[in-house]
C-alpha atoms as a PDB file:
ATOM      1  CA  MET A   1     -25.605 -19.987   6.038  1.00  0.00           C
ATOM      2  CA  LYS A   2     -26.244 -18.393   2.666  1.00  0.00           C
ATOM      3  CA  ILE A   3     -22.584 -17.368   2.260  1.00  0.00           C
ATOM      4  CA  ASP A   4     -21.666 -21.065   2.345  1.00  0.00           C
ATOM      5  CA  GLU A   5     -24.021 -21.627  -0.584  1.00  0.00           C
ATOM      6  CA  VAL A   6     -22.345 -18.819  -2.540  1.00  0.00           C
ATOM      7  CA  ARG A   7     -18.917 -20.357  -1.835  1.00  0.00           C
ATOM      8  CA  LYS A   8     -20.203 -23.759  -2.979  1.00  0.00           C
ATOM      9  CA  ILE A   9     -21.625 -22.292  -6.204  1.00  0.00           C
ATOM     10  CA  ALA A  10     -18.304 -20.544  -6.883  1.00  0.00           C
ATOM     11  CA  LYS A  11     -16.314 -23.733  -6.361  1.00  0.00           C
ATOM     12  CA  GLU A  12     -18.634 -25.637  -8.714  1.00  0.00           C
ATOM     13  CA  LYS A  13     -18.829 -22.992 -11.486  1.00  0.00           C
ATOM     14  CA  TYR A  14     -15.209 -21.866 -11.850  1.00  0.00           C
ATOM     15  CA  ASP A  15     -12.630 -24.157 -13.359  1.00  0.00           C
ATOM     16  CA  LYS A  16     -10.005 -25.402 -10.919  1.00  0.00           C
ATOM     17  CA  SER A  17      -7.211 -23.086 -12.053  1.00  0.00           C
ATOM     18  CA  ASP A  18      -9.410 -19.986 -12.066  1.00  0.00           C
ATOM     19  CA  TYR A  19     -10.805 -20.855  -8.649  1.00  0.00           C
ATOM     20  CA  HIS A  20      -7.408 -21.387  -6.995  1.00  0.00           C
ATOM     21  CA  TYR A  21      -5.288 -18.789  -8.782  1.00  0.00           C
ATOM     22  CA  HIS A  22      -7.784 -15.984  -9.226  1.00  0.00           C
ATOM     23  CA  ILE A  23     -10.989 -16.270  -7.203  1.00  0.00           C
ATOM     24  CA  LEU A  24      -9.372 -17.240  -3.890  1.00  0.00           C
ATOM     25  CA  PRO A  25      -6.811 -14.383  -4.089  1.00  0.00           C
ATOM     26  CA  VAL A  26      -9.571 -11.904  -4.990  1.00  0.00           C
ATOM     27  CA  VAL A  27     -11.626 -12.965  -1.967  1.00  0.00           C
ATOM     28  CA  LYS A  28      -8.554 -12.800   0.305  1.00  0.00           C
ATOM     29  CA  ASN A  29      -7.566  -9.317  -0.857  1.00  0.00           C
ATOM     30  CA  ALA A  30     -11.146  -8.022  -0.858  1.00  0.00           C
ATOM     31  CA  LEU A  31     -11.612  -9.058   2.770  1.00  0.00           C
ATOM     32  CA  LEU A  32      -8.284  -7.497   3.782  1.00  0.00           C
ATOM     33  CA  LEU A  33      -9.307  -4.219   2.152  1.00  0.00           C
ATOM     34  CA  ALA A  34     -12.798  -4.424   3.686  1.00  0.00           C
ATOM     35  CA  ASP A  35     -11.249  -4.666   7.153  1.00  0.00           C
ATOM     36  CA  LYS A  36      -8.814  -1.857   6.439  1.00  0.00           C
ATOM     37  CA  LEU A  37     -11.512   0.474   5.094  1.00  0.00           C
ATOM     38  CA  LYS A  38     -14.363  -0.622   7.377  1.00  0.00           C
ATOM     39  CA  ALA A  39     -16.596  -1.483   4.420  1.00  0.00           C
ATOM     40  CA  ASP A  40     -19.517  -3.939   4.194  1.00  0.00           C
ATOM     41  CA  LYS A  41     -17.739  -7.294   4.398  1.00  0.00           C
ATOM     42  CA  GLU A  42     -20.742  -9.387   3.429  1.00  0.00           C
ATOM     43  CA  VAL A  43     -21.369  -7.442   0.211  1.00  0.00           C
ATOM     44  CA  ILE A  44     -17.656  -7.519  -0.589  1.00  0.00           C
ATOM     45  CA  GLU A  45     -17.139 -11.210   0.080  1.00  0.00           C
ATOM     46  CA  ILE A  46     -20.131 -12.324  -1.960  1.00  0.00           C
ATOM     47  CA  ALA A  47     -19.224  -9.967  -4.812  1.00  0.00           C
ATOM     48  CA  ALA A  48     -15.641 -11.283  -4.729  1.00  0.00           C
ATOM     49  CA  TRP A  49     -16.884 -14.876  -5.042  1.00  0.00           C
ATOM     50  CA  LEU A  50     -19.220 -13.941  -7.905  1.00  0.00           C
ATOM     51  CA  HIS A  51     -17.310 -11.189  -9.752  1.00  0.00           C
ATOM     52  CA  ASP A  52     -16.222 -13.496 -12.617  1.00  0.00           C
ATOM     53  CA  ILE A  53     -19.252 -15.795 -12.610  1.00  0.00           C
ATOM     54  CA  GLY A  54     -20.154 -14.501 -16.080  1.00  0.00           C
ATOM     55  CA  ARG A  55     -16.808 -15.728 -17.363  1.00  0.00           C
ATOM     56  CA  ALA A  56     -17.341 -19.106 -15.721  1.00  0.00           C
ATOM     57  CA  ILE A  57     -20.736 -19.703 -17.328  1.00  0.00           C
ATOM     58  CA  SER A  58     -20.032 -18.187 -20.755  1.00  0.00           C
ATOM     59  CA  ARG A  59     -16.477 -19.233 -21.596  1.00  0.00           C
ATOM     60  CA  ASN A  60     -17.026 -19.032 -25.377  1.00  0.00           C
ATOM     61  CA  ASP A  61     -18.606 -15.582 -25.177  1.00  0.00           C
ATOM     62  CA  PHE A  62     -15.742 -14.479 -22.920  1.00  0.00           C
ATOM     63  CA  GLU A  63     -13.203 -15.384 -25.562  1.00  0.00           C
ATOM     64  CA  LYS A  64     -15.130 -13.508 -28.279  1.00  0.00           C
ATOM     65  CA  GLU A  65     -16.620 -10.463 -26.591  1.00  0.00           C
ATOM     66  CA  ASN A  66     -15.247 -10.391 -23.034  1.00  0.00           C
ATOM     67  CA  GLU A  67     -18.450  -8.930 -21.655  1.00  0.00           C
ATOM     68  CA  HIS A  68     -18.455 -11.235 -18.646  1.00  0.00           C
ATOM     69  CA  HIS A  69     -19.193  -8.378 -16.250  1.00  0.00           C
ATOM     70  CA  ILE A  70     -22.622  -7.904 -17.877  1.00  0.00           C
ATOM     71  CA  VAL A  71     -23.404 -11.629 -17.916  1.00  0.00           C
ATOM     72  CA  GLY A  72     -22.055 -11.870 -14.358  1.00  0.00           C
ATOM     73  CA  GLU A  73     -24.290  -9.104 -13.062  1.00  0.00           C
ATOM     74  CA  LYS A  74     -27.378 -10.910 -14.379  1.00  0.00           C
ATOM     75  CA  GLU A  75     -26.210 -14.292 -13.091  1.00  0.00           C
ATOM     76  CA  SER A  76     -25.341 -12.926  -9.645  1.00  0.00           C
ATOM     77  CA  ILE A  77     -28.831 -11.416  -9.383  1.00  0.00           C
ATOM     78  CA  LYS A  78     -30.361 -14.828 -10.240  1.00  0.00           C
ATOM     79  CA  ILE A  79     -28.170 -16.648  -7.728  1.00  0.00           C
ATOM     80  CA  LEU A  80     -28.803 -14.205  -4.895  1.00  0.00           C
ATOM     81  CA  ASN A  81     -32.562 -14.075  -5.570  1.00  0.00           C
ATOM     82  CA  LYS A  82     -32.668 -17.865  -5.450  1.00  0.00           C
ATOM     83  CA  LEU A  83     -30.816 -17.812  -2.113  1.00  0.00           C
ATOM     84  CA  GLY A  84     -33.297 -15.306  -0.663  1.00  0.00           C
ATOM     85  CA  TYR A  85     -31.147 -12.199  -0.324  1.00  0.00           C
ATOM     86  CA  GLU A  86     -32.933  -8.845  -0.053  1.00  0.00           C
ATOM     87  CA  LYS A  87     -33.226  -6.592  -3.122  1.00  0.00           C
ATOM     88  CA  ASP A  88     -31.018  -3.799  -1.727  1.00  0.00           C
ATOM     89  CA  PHE A  89     -28.251  -6.275  -0.873  1.00  0.00           C
ATOM     90  CA  ILE A  90     -28.506  -7.831  -4.356  1.00  0.00           C
ATOM     91  CA  ARG A  91     -28.272  -4.364  -5.922  1.00  0.00           C
ATOM     92  CA  LYS A  92     -25.054  -3.641  -3.995  1.00  0.00           C
ATOM     93  CA  VAL A  93     -23.448  -6.964  -4.939  1.00  0.00           C
ATOM     94  CA  SER A  94     -24.514  -6.770  -8.583  1.00  0.00           C
ATOM     95  CA  HIS A  95     -23.044  -3.252  -8.844  1.00  0.00           C
ATOM     96  CA  CYS A  96     -19.703  -4.658  -7.651  1.00  0.00           C
ATOM     97  CA  VAL A  97     -19.858  -7.459 -10.231  1.00  0.00           C
ATOM     98  CA  LEU A  98     -20.843  -5.115 -13.076  1.00  0.00           C
ATOM     99  CA  THR A  99     -18.108  -2.568 -12.319  1.00  0.00           C
ATOM    100  CA  HIS A 100     -15.155  -4.803 -11.420  1.00  0.00           C
ATOM    101  CA  ARG A 101     -13.482  -4.648 -14.854  1.00  0.00           C
ATOM    102  CA  GLY A 102     -11.804  -1.259 -14.638  1.00  0.00           C
ATOM    103  CA  ARG A 103     -11.534  -0.626 -18.368  1.00  0.00           C
ATOM    104  CA  LYS A 104     -15.178  -1.204 -19.196  1.00  0.00           C
ATOM    105  CA  GLU A 105     -17.930   1.131 -18.043  1.00  0.00           C
ATOM    106  CA  PRO A 106     -19.635   1.672 -15.717  1.00  0.00           C
ATOM    107  CA  ASP A 107     -17.089   2.702 -13.102  1.00  0.00           C
ATOM    108  CA  PRO A 108     -17.373   1.564  -9.474  1.00  0.00           C
ATOM    109  CA  GLU A 109     -19.311   4.096  -7.409  1.00  0.00           C
ATOM    110  CA  THR A 110     -19.331   2.568  -3.919  1.00  0.00           C
ATOM    111  CA  ILE A 111     -16.398   1.760  -1.660  1.00  0.00           C
ATOM    112  CA  GLU A 112     -17.424  -1.897  -1.862  1.00  0.00           C
ATOM    113  CA  ALA A 113     -17.276  -1.859  -5.679  1.00  0.00           C
ATOM    114  CA  LYS A 114     -13.912  -0.070  -5.614  1.00  0.00           C
ATOM    115  CA  ILE A 115     -12.613  -2.724  -3.206  1.00  0.00           C
ATOM    116  CA  VAL A 116     -13.763  -5.629  -5.404  1.00  0.00           C
ATOM    117  CA  SER A 117     -12.251  -3.999  -8.495  1.00  0.00           C
ATOM    118  CA  SER A 118      -8.982  -3.410  -6.614  1.00  0.00           C
ATOM    119  CA  ALA A 119      -8.933  -6.963  -5.254  1.00  0.00           C
ATOM    120  CA  ASP A 120      -9.469  -8.302  -8.777  1.00  0.00           C
ATOM    121  CA  ALA A 121      -6.341  -6.403  -9.849  1.00  0.00           C
ATOM    122  CA  MET A 122      -4.392  -7.383  -6.716  1.00  0.00           C
ATOM    123  CA  ALA A 123      -4.939 -11.058  -7.495  1.00  0.00           C
ATOM    124  CA  HIS A 124      -2.847 -10.647 -10.645  1.00  0.00           C
ATOM    125  CA  PHE A 125       0.046  -9.469  -8.492  1.00  0.00           C
ATOM    126  CA  ASP A 126      -0.352 -12.399  -6.078  1.00  0.00           C
ATOM    127  CA  THR A 127      -0.534 -15.013  -8.829  1.00  0.00           C
ATOM    128  CA  PHE A 128       1.632 -13.342 -11.439  1.00  0.00           C
ATOM    129  CA  LEU A 129       2.974 -16.634 -12.786  1.00  0.00           C
ATOM    130  CA  ASP A 130      -0.539 -17.851 -13.591  1.00  0.00           C
ATOM    131  CA  LEU A 131      -1.265 -14.551 -15.343  1.00  0.00           C
ATOM    132  CA  PHE A 132       1.906 -14.982 -17.372  1.00  0.00           C
ATOM    133  CA  ARG A 133       0.906 -18.584 -18.219  1.00  0.00           C
ATOM    134  CA  PHE A 134      -2.435 -17.280 -19.517  1.00  0.00           C
ATOM    135  CA  PHE A 135      -0.738 -14.734 -21.781  1.00  0.00           C
ATOM    136  CA  LEU A 136       1.722 -17.335 -23.051  1.00  0.00           C
ATOM    137  CA  THR A 137      -1.175 -19.519 -24.171  1.00  0.00           C
ATOM    138  CA  THR A 138      -3.213 -16.717 -25.769  1.00  0.00           C
ATOM    139  CA  GLU A 139      -0.576 -14.568 -27.487  1.00  0.00           C
ATOM    140  CA  GLU A 140       1.223 -15.530 -30.697  1.00  0.00           C
ATOM    141  CA  SER A 141       4.745 -15.027 -29.327  1.00  0.00           C
ATOM    142  CA  PHE A 142       6.687 -14.882 -26.086  1.00  0.00           C
ATOM    143  CA  GLU A 143       7.460 -11.204 -26.695  1.00  0.00           C
ATOM    144  CA  LYS A 144       3.783 -10.342 -27.156  1.00  0.00           C
ATOM    145  CA  ALA A 145       2.961 -12.268 -23.978  1.00  0.00           C
ATOM    146  CA  VAL A 146       5.487 -10.216 -21.997  1.00  0.00           C
ATOM    147  CA  ILE A 147       4.154  -6.969 -23.473  1.00  0.00           C
ATOM    148  CA  GLY A 148       0.561  -8.065 -22.757  1.00  0.00           C
ATOM    149  CA  VAL A 149       1.359  -8.873 -19.134  1.00  0.00           C
ATOM    150  CA  GLU A 150       3.139  -5.542 -18.749  1.00  0.00           C
ATOM    151  CA  ALA A 151       0.116  -3.681 -20.154  1.00  0.00           C
ATOM    152  CA  LYS A 152      -2.296  -5.551 -17.865  1.00  0.00           C
ATOM    153  CA  ILE A 153      -0.170  -5.010 -14.756  1.00  0.00           C
ATOM    154  CA  ASN A 154       0.203  -1.292 -15.513  1.00  0.00           C
ATOM    155  CA  ARG A 155      -3.504  -0.930 -16.340  1.00  0.00           C
ATOM    156  CA  ASN A 156      -4.388  -2.629 -13.056  1.00  0.00           C
ATOM    157  CA  TRP A 157      -1.976  -0.395 -11.156  1.00  0.00           C
ATOM    158  CA  ASN A 158      -2.965   2.870 -12.829  1.00  0.00           C
ATOM    159  CA  LYS A 159      -6.694   2.429 -13.373  1.00  0.00           C
ATOM    160  CA  LYS A 160      -8.217  -0.172 -11.049  1.00  0.00           C
ATOM    161  CA  MET A 161      -6.512   0.103  -7.708  1.00  0.00           C
ATOM    162  CA  ILE A 162      -7.319   2.423  -4.835  1.00  0.00           C
ATOM    163  CA  PRO A 163      -4.333   3.770  -2.850  1.00  0.00           C
ATOM    164  CA  GLU A 164      -4.759   1.268   0.001  1.00  0.00           C
ATOM    165  CA  ALA A 165      -4.562  -1.615  -2.478  1.00  0.00           C
ATOM    166  CA  LYS A 166      -1.449  -0.188  -4.104  1.00  0.00           C
ATOM    167  CA  GLU A 167       0.177   0.094  -0.696  1.00  0.00           C
ATOM    168  CA  MET A 168      -0.525  -3.603  -0.050  1.00  0.00           C
ATOM    169  CA  VAL A 169       1.064  -4.862  -3.303  1.00  0.00           C
ATOM    170  CA  LYS A 170       3.715  -2.226  -4.036  1.00  0.00           C
ATOM    171  CA  ASP A 171       6.626  -4.634  -3.527  1.00  0.00           C
ATOM    172  CA  LYS A 172       5.035  -7.154  -5.919  1.00  0.00           C
ATOM    173  CA  TYR A 173       4.374  -4.468  -8.526  1.00  0.00           C
ATOM    174  CA  ASP A 174       7.983  -3.281  -8.344  1.00  0.00           C
ATOM    175  CA  ALA A 175       9.306  -6.841  -8.656  1.00  0.00           C
ATOM    176  CA  ILE A 176       7.085  -7.673 -11.647  1.00  0.00           C
ATOM    177  CA  ILE A 177       8.025  -4.470 -13.459  1.00  0.00           C
ATOM    178  CA  LEU A 178      11.723  -5.163 -12.798  1.00  0.00           C
ATOM    179  CA  LEU A 179      11.430  -8.692 -14.242  1.00  0.00           C
ATOM    180  CA  ILE A 180       9.589  -7.422 -17.315  1.00  0.00           C
ATOM    181  CA  LYS A 181      12.063  -4.583 -17.878  1.00  0.00           C
ATOM    182  CA  ASN A 182      14.992  -7.001 -17.656  1.00  0.00           C
ATOM    183  CA  MET A 183      13.341  -9.424 -20.086  1.00  0.00           C
ATOM    184  CA  LYS A 184      12.453  -6.717 -22.630  1.00  0.00           C
ATOM    185  CA  GLN A 185      16.087  -5.657 -23.006  1.00  0.00           C
ATOM    186  CA  TYR A 186      16.628  -8.848 -25.037  1.00  0.00           C
ATOM    187  CA  PHE A 187      13.773  -8.336 -27.497  1.00  0.00           C
END
């Protein structure tokens, strides 16, 4: 099956940490939302596997420009063309990849794109400790890492997530915000 090829490409392209602590949770949450909202599961699953493919293939550009959604859209089109998917299907998947960021235009227009964007945000709630590890290694101080995580979590919650996604991770959001609030009292 072609979906197996997409999964194989994802496993090969992403680094091990990204694959386990971001891609797998995105796919899991995207499929849960697809079931809940009766959306196109095939489009959603493939877009979830490929949504950060631009980051995987252009790590240096990601660090400088963070335009991986644009690179990812082009790469996902190449991959899906090579696997023989139809043009309309490729258009739907590539729209999900291009619009998954939330703070970069364009905005998601389809329910499938909104689901992939939400699932991308939900993954940060599922694997919060890995997100925090990332900020600790990229920020100049512990305090800035905490503030950066707080900003990302709130941006995900307020900008990227549809109501059904918020409902699914509300307890995690509340717990993360409580931990951050408690930590910030000592700054």
